[in-house]
Structures are given as structure tokens and as C-alpha cells.
Amino acid sequence: MNTNENPMLHVAVRKDNPLKQMIVDYVGKRFATKEDEGEYFVTVQMVAETLASEFPEFLMVMAEENWIRGYKQGLDDAQLRGTETETTD
């Protein structure tokens, strides 16, 4: 595993609500082989790959929102650090 990779990508998704049940079943069938015989192990990464290929608009909105929030947090942190530096001078 890459040290820059989120370990949550490799966690199996539990079917603990109806939406997860539907997504895990869909993704499991997409990745399943003949040997799986209806039993499959679905990870968060498999769900993300499926959404990226079959519903890219959803992932783009999530990625853009995440980027904007991270950028804003960086600006806020820089402004706070600038304020702290001015008061200690």
C-alpha cells in the first residue's frame, strides 16, 4: 500500500442500511467472477471506481467541494498565522 493512500479504501463495506446493501450488491456483481458464486468482498475503493466510471458527475461534485473546503481552510490558517505573527512582533 502506498503511504499516501487512504487505508479506508481497502476496508470492506458493511451492508448496514438499504442504500449500502444496494450499492454493495451492484458493485459486487460488477467485480464478481464465476468463482465467487454470489459471495463477494466489496471495498470502498471498488465503490469509488464504480462511481467514477458510471456516475462521474457525482464524484466530481464531491471532489470539487472537498478541494474548495481544503483551499478555504488553508487560507484561513494562513490568515490566522499572519495575525499571530503580527501580534508577537
N, C-alpha and C. Protein backbone atom coordinates (compact mmCIF):
# COMPACT_ATOMS: atom_id res chain seq x y z
N MET A 1 0.84 -1.19 0.00
CA MET A 1 0.00 0.00 0.00
C MET A 1 0.88 1.25 0.00
N ASN A 2 0.52 2.21 -0.78
CA ASN A 2 1.20 3.49 -0.87
C ASN A 2 1.00 4.25 0.45
N THR A 3 2.06 4.88 0.96
CA THR A 3 1.94 5.62 2.21
C THR A 3 1.06 6.85 2.08
N ASN A 4 0.85 7.33 0.86
CA ASN A 4 -0.03 8.48 0.63
C ASN A 4 -1.48 8.06 0.36
N GLU A 5 -1.75 6.78 0.45
CA GLU A 5 -3.06 6.26 0.14
C GLU A 5 -3.88 6.11 1.42
N ASN A 6 -5.13 6.42 1.33
CA ASN A 6 -6.02 6.31 2.48
C ASN A 6 -6.30 4.84 2.77
N PRO A 7 -6.00 4.36 3.98
CA PRO A 7 -6.23 2.95 4.30
C PRO A 7 -7.71 2.57 4.27
N MET A 8 -8.60 3.55 4.37
CA MET A 8 -10.04 3.27 4.33
C MET A 8 -10.48 2.72 2.97
N LEU A 9 -9.67 2.94 1.93
CA LEU A 9 -10.01 2.42 0.61
C LEU A 9 -10.11 0.91 0.58
N HIS A 10 -9.38 0.25 1.47
CA HIS A 10 -9.31 -1.21 1.46
C HIS A 10 -10.23 -1.87 2.48
N VAL A 11 -11.06 -1.08 3.12
CA VAL A 11 -11.99 -1.60 4.12
C VAL A 11 -13.23 -2.15 3.41
N ALA A 12 -13.68 -3.31 3.86
CA ALA A 12 -14.90 -3.89 3.30
C ALA A 12 -16.10 -3.06 3.74
N VAL A 13 -17.03 -2.88 2.82
CA VAL A 13 -18.24 -2.12 3.11
C VAL A 13 -19.27 -3.07 3.72
N ARG A 14 -19.80 -2.68 4.89
CA ARG A 14 -20.84 -3.48 5.54
C ARG A 14 -22.20 -3.06 4.99
N LYS A 15 -23.06 -4.00 4.83
CA LYS A 15 -24.42 -3.73 4.33
C LYS A 15 -25.33 -3.42 5.52
N ASP A 16 -25.11 -2.26 6.15
CA ASP A 16 -25.88 -1.97 7.36
C ASP A 16 -27.04 -1.00 7.16
N ASN A 17 -27.34 -0.67 5.90
CA ASN A 17 -28.55 0.09 5.60
C ASN A 17 -28.95 -0.20 4.15
N PRO A 18 -30.16 0.13 3.77
CA PRO A 18 -30.64 -0.24 2.43
C PRO A 18 -29.81 0.33 1.28
N LEU A 19 -29.32 1.55 1.41
CA LEU A 19 -28.52 2.13 0.33
C LEU A 19 -27.20 1.37 0.17
N LYS A 20 -26.54 1.10 1.29
CA LYS A 20 -25.28 0.34 1.21
C LYS A 20 -25.53 -1.05 0.64
N GLN A 21 -26.63 -1.68 1.03
CA GLN A 21 -27.00 -3.00 0.51
C GLN A 21 -27.07 -2.95 -1.02
N MET A 22 -27.77 -1.94 -1.53
CA MET A 22 -27.95 -1.81 -2.97
C MET A 22 -26.60 -1.55 -3.67
N ILE A 23 -25.80 -0.66 -3.11
CA ILE A 23 -24.51 -0.32 -3.72
C ILE A 23 -23.56 -1.51 -3.68
N VAL A 24 -23.46 -2.18 -2.53
CA VAL A 24 -22.55 -3.33 -2.40
C VAL A 24 -22.98 -4.44 -3.34
N ASP A 25 -24.25 -4.70 -3.44
CA ASP A 25 -24.72 -5.74 -4.36
C ASP A 25 -24.39 -5.38 -5.81
N TYR A 26 -24.63 -4.13 -6.18
CA TYR A 26 -24.35 -3.69 -7.55
C TYR A 26 -22.86 -3.80 -7.87
N VAL A 27 -22.03 -3.25 -6.98
CA VAL A 27 -20.58 -3.26 -7.20
C VAL A 27 -20.05 -4.69 -7.14
N GLY A 28 -20.56 -5.47 -6.20
CA GLY A 28 -20.11 -6.86 -6.09
C GLY A 28 -20.37 -7.65 -7.36
N LYS A 29 -21.55 -7.46 -7.93
CA LYS A 29 -21.87 -8.16 -9.19
C LYS A 29 -20.99 -7.67 -10.33
N ARG A 30 -20.65 -6.40 -10.30
CA ARG A 30 -19.79 -5.83 -11.35
C ARG A 30 -18.39 -6.42 -11.30
N PHE A 31 -17.86 -6.64 -10.10
CA PHE A 31 -16.50 -7.15 -9.93
C PHE A 31 -16.44 -8.67 -9.77
N ALA A 32 -17.57 -9.31 -9.58
CA ALA A 32 -17.59 -10.75 -9.28
C ALA A 32 -17.09 -11.58 -10.47
N THR A 33 -16.47 -12.67 -10.12
CA THR A 33 -16.06 -13.66 -11.12
C THR A 33 -16.94 -14.89 -10.95
N LYS A 34 -16.83 -15.85 -11.84
CA LYS A 34 -17.63 -17.07 -11.75
C LYS A 34 -17.33 -17.84 -10.47
N GLU A 35 -16.10 -17.74 -9.98
CA GLU A 35 -15.70 -18.46 -8.79
C GLU A 35 -16.33 -17.90 -7.52
N ASP A 36 -16.78 -16.65 -7.55
CA ASP A 36 -17.33 -16.01 -6.36
C ASP A 36 -18.67 -16.61 -5.93
N GLU A 37 -19.44 -17.14 -6.84
CA GLU A 37 -20.72 -17.80 -6.58
C GLU A 37 -21.63 -16.98 -5.67
N GLY A 38 -21.80 -15.71 -5.96
CA GLY A 38 -22.71 -14.87 -5.20
C GLY A 38 -22.13 -14.28 -3.93
N GLU A 39 -20.97 -14.73 -3.50
CA GLU A 39 -20.31 -14.20 -2.32
C GLU A 39 -19.15 -13.32 -2.79
N TYR A 40 -19.18 -12.06 -2.41
CA TYR A 40 -18.11 -11.17 -2.84
C TYR A 40 -17.75 -10.20 -1.73
N PHE A 41 -16.55 -9.72 -1.83
CA PHE A 41 -15.95 -8.79 -0.87
C PHE A 41 -15.84 -7.45 -1.58
N VAL A 42 -16.57 -6.44 -1.12
CA VAL A 42 -16.58 -5.12 -1.77
C VAL A 42 -15.89 -4.12 -0.86
N THR A 43 -14.89 -3.43 -1.41
CA THR A 43 -14.17 -2.40 -0.65
C THR A 43 -14.65 -1.01 -1.06
N VAL A 44 -14.28 -0.04 -0.26
CA VAL A 44 -14.61 1.36 -0.56
C VAL A 44 -13.98 1.75 -1.90
N GLN A 45 -12.79 1.26 -2.18
CA GLN A 45 -12.12 1.58 -3.44
C GLN A 45 -12.92 1.04 -4.63
N MET A 46 -13.47 -0.15 -4.50
CA MET A 46 -14.28 -0.72 -5.57
C MET A 46 -15.52 0.14 -5.83
N VAL A 47 -16.13 0.64 -4.76
CA VAL A 47 -17.29 1.52 -4.90
C VAL A 47 -16.88 2.81 -5.59
N ALA A 48 -15.75 3.38 -5.17
CA ALA A 48 -15.27 4.63 -5.77
C ALA A 48 -14.97 4.45 -7.26
N GLU A 49 -14.34 3.34 -7.62
CA GLU A 49 -14.03 3.07 -9.03
C GLU A 49 -15.31 2.93 -9.84
N THR A 50 -16.30 2.27 -9.27
CA THR A 50 -17.58 2.09 -9.97
C THR A 50 -18.27 3.43 -10.17
N LEU A 51 -18.30 4.25 -9.11
CA LEU A 51 -18.91 5.57 -9.24
C LEU A 51 -18.15 6.43 -10.25
N ALA A 52 -16.83 6.33 -10.25
CA ALA A 52 -16.03 7.12 -11.19
C ALA A 52 -16.34 6.76 -12.64
N SER A 53 -16.56 5.49 -12.90
CA SER A 53 -16.82 5.10 -14.28
C SER A 53 -18.28 5.23 -14.67
N GLU A 54 -19.20 5.04 -13.72
CA GLU A 54 -20.62 5.02 -14.06
C GLU A 54 -21.40 6.26 -13.62
N PHE A 55 -20.83 7.04 -12.70
CA PHE A 55 -21.52 8.25 -12.22
C PHE A 55 -20.47 9.32 -11.91
N PRO A 56 -19.68 9.72 -12.91
CA PRO A 56 -18.58 10.66 -12.68
C PRO A 56 -19.05 12.03 -12.19
N GLU A 57 -20.26 12.42 -12.55
CA GLU A 57 -20.76 13.73 -12.11
C GLU A 57 -20.83 13.81 -10.59
N PHE A 58 -21.25 12.73 -9.96
CA PHE A 58 -21.34 12.70 -8.50
C PHE A 58 -19.96 12.85 -7.87
N LEU A 59 -19.00 12.08 -8.36
CA LEU A 59 -17.66 12.15 -7.80
C LEU A 59 -17.02 13.52 -8.04
N MET A 60 -17.29 14.14 -9.18
CA MET A 60 -16.73 15.47 -9.45
C MET A 60 -17.26 16.51 -8.47
N VAL A 61 -18.55 16.46 -8.18
CA VAL A 61 -19.12 17.40 -7.22
C VAL A 61 -18.48 17.21 -5.85
N MET A 62 -18.31 15.96 -5.43
CA MET A 62 -17.71 15.67 -4.13
C MET A 62 -16.25 16.14 -4.10
N ALA A 63 -15.51 15.87 -5.17
CA ALA A 63 -14.10 16.26 -5.22
C ALA A 63 -13.95 17.78 -5.23
N GLU A 64 -14.77 18.46 -6.01
CA GLU A 64 -14.70 19.91 -6.06
C GLU A 64 -15.02 20.53 -4.71
N GLU A 65 -16.05 20.04 -4.06
CA GLU A 65 -16.43 20.56 -2.75
C GLU A 65 -15.30 20.33 -1.74
N ASN A 66 -14.72 19.16 -1.77
CA ASN A 66 -13.61 18.84 -0.88
C ASN A 66 -12.42 19.77 -1.15
N TRP A 67 -12.11 20.02 -2.41
CA TRP A 67 -11.00 20.89 -2.77
C TRP A 67 -11.26 22.32 -2.28
N ILE A 68 -12.48 22.80 -2.52
CA ILE A 68 -12.82 24.17 -2.11
C ILE A 68 -12.70 24.32 -0.59
N ARG A 69 -13.22 23.35 0.14
CA ARG A 69 -13.15 23.42 1.61
C ARG A 69 -11.70 23.38 2.09
N GLY A 70 -10.88 22.53 1.47
CA GLY A 70 -9.47 22.45 1.84
C GLY A 70 -8.73 23.74 1.53
N TYR A 71 -9.01 24.32 0.37
CA TYR A 71 -8.39 25.59 -0.02
C TYR A 71 -8.77 26.70 0.95
N LYS A 72 -10.07 26.77 1.30
CA LYS A 72 -10.54 27.78 2.23
C LYS A 72 -9.89 27.59 3.61
N GLN A 73 -9.77 26.35 4.03
CA GLN A 73 -9.13 26.08 5.33
C GLN A 73 -7.68 26.53 5.30
N GLY A 74 -6.99 26.29 4.19
CA GLY A 74 -5.61 26.74 4.06
C GLY A 74 -5.49 28.26 4.13
N LEU A 75 -6.39 28.96 3.45
CA LEU A 75 -6.39 30.43 3.50
C LEU A 75 -6.68 30.92 4.92
N ASP A 76 -7.66 30.29 5.58
CA ASP A 76 -7.98 30.69 6.95
C ASP A 76 -6.79 30.45 7.87
N ASP A 77 -6.11 29.32 7.72
CA ASP A 77 -4.94 29.02 8.54
C ASP A 77 -3.81 30.02 8.29
N ALA A 78 -3.61 30.37 7.01
CA ALA A 78 -2.56 31.33 6.68
C ALA A 78 -2.88 32.70 7.26
N GLN A 79 -4.13 33.09 7.20
CA GLN A 79 -4.53 34.38 7.75
C GLN A 79 -4.36 34.39 9.26
N LEU A 80 -4.74 33.31 9.91
CA LEU A 80 -4.59 33.21 11.36
C LEU A 80 -3.11 33.25 11.75
N ARG A 81 -2.30 32.54 10.99
CA ARG A 81 -0.86 32.53 11.28
C ARG A 81 -0.28 33.93 11.07
N GLY A 82 -0.74 34.64 10.05
CA GLY A 82 -0.27 36.01 9.82
C GLY A 82 -0.67 36.93 10.95
N THR A 83 -1.86 36.76 11.47
CA THR A 83 -2.35 37.55 12.60
C THR A 83 -1.52 37.26 13.83
N GLU A 84 -1.22 35.99 14.08
CA GLU A 84 -0.40 35.61 15.25
C GLU A 84 1.00 36.19 15.15
N THR A 85 1.56 36.19 13.94
CA THR A 85 2.91 36.72 13.75
C THR A 85 2.95 38.22 14.00
N GLU A 86 1.93 38.94 13.53
CA GLU A 86 1.86 40.39 13.74
C GLU A 86 1.76 40.75 15.22
N THR A 87 1.02 39.96 15.99
CA THR A 87 0.85 40.28 17.41
C THR A 87 2.08 39.94 18.24
N THR A 88 2.92 39.02 17.76
CA THR A 88 4.12 38.65 18.52
C THR A 88 5.32 39.51 18.16
N ASP A 89 5.22 40.30 17.09
CA ASP A 89 6.35 41.16 16.68
C ASP A 89 6.49 42.38 17.51
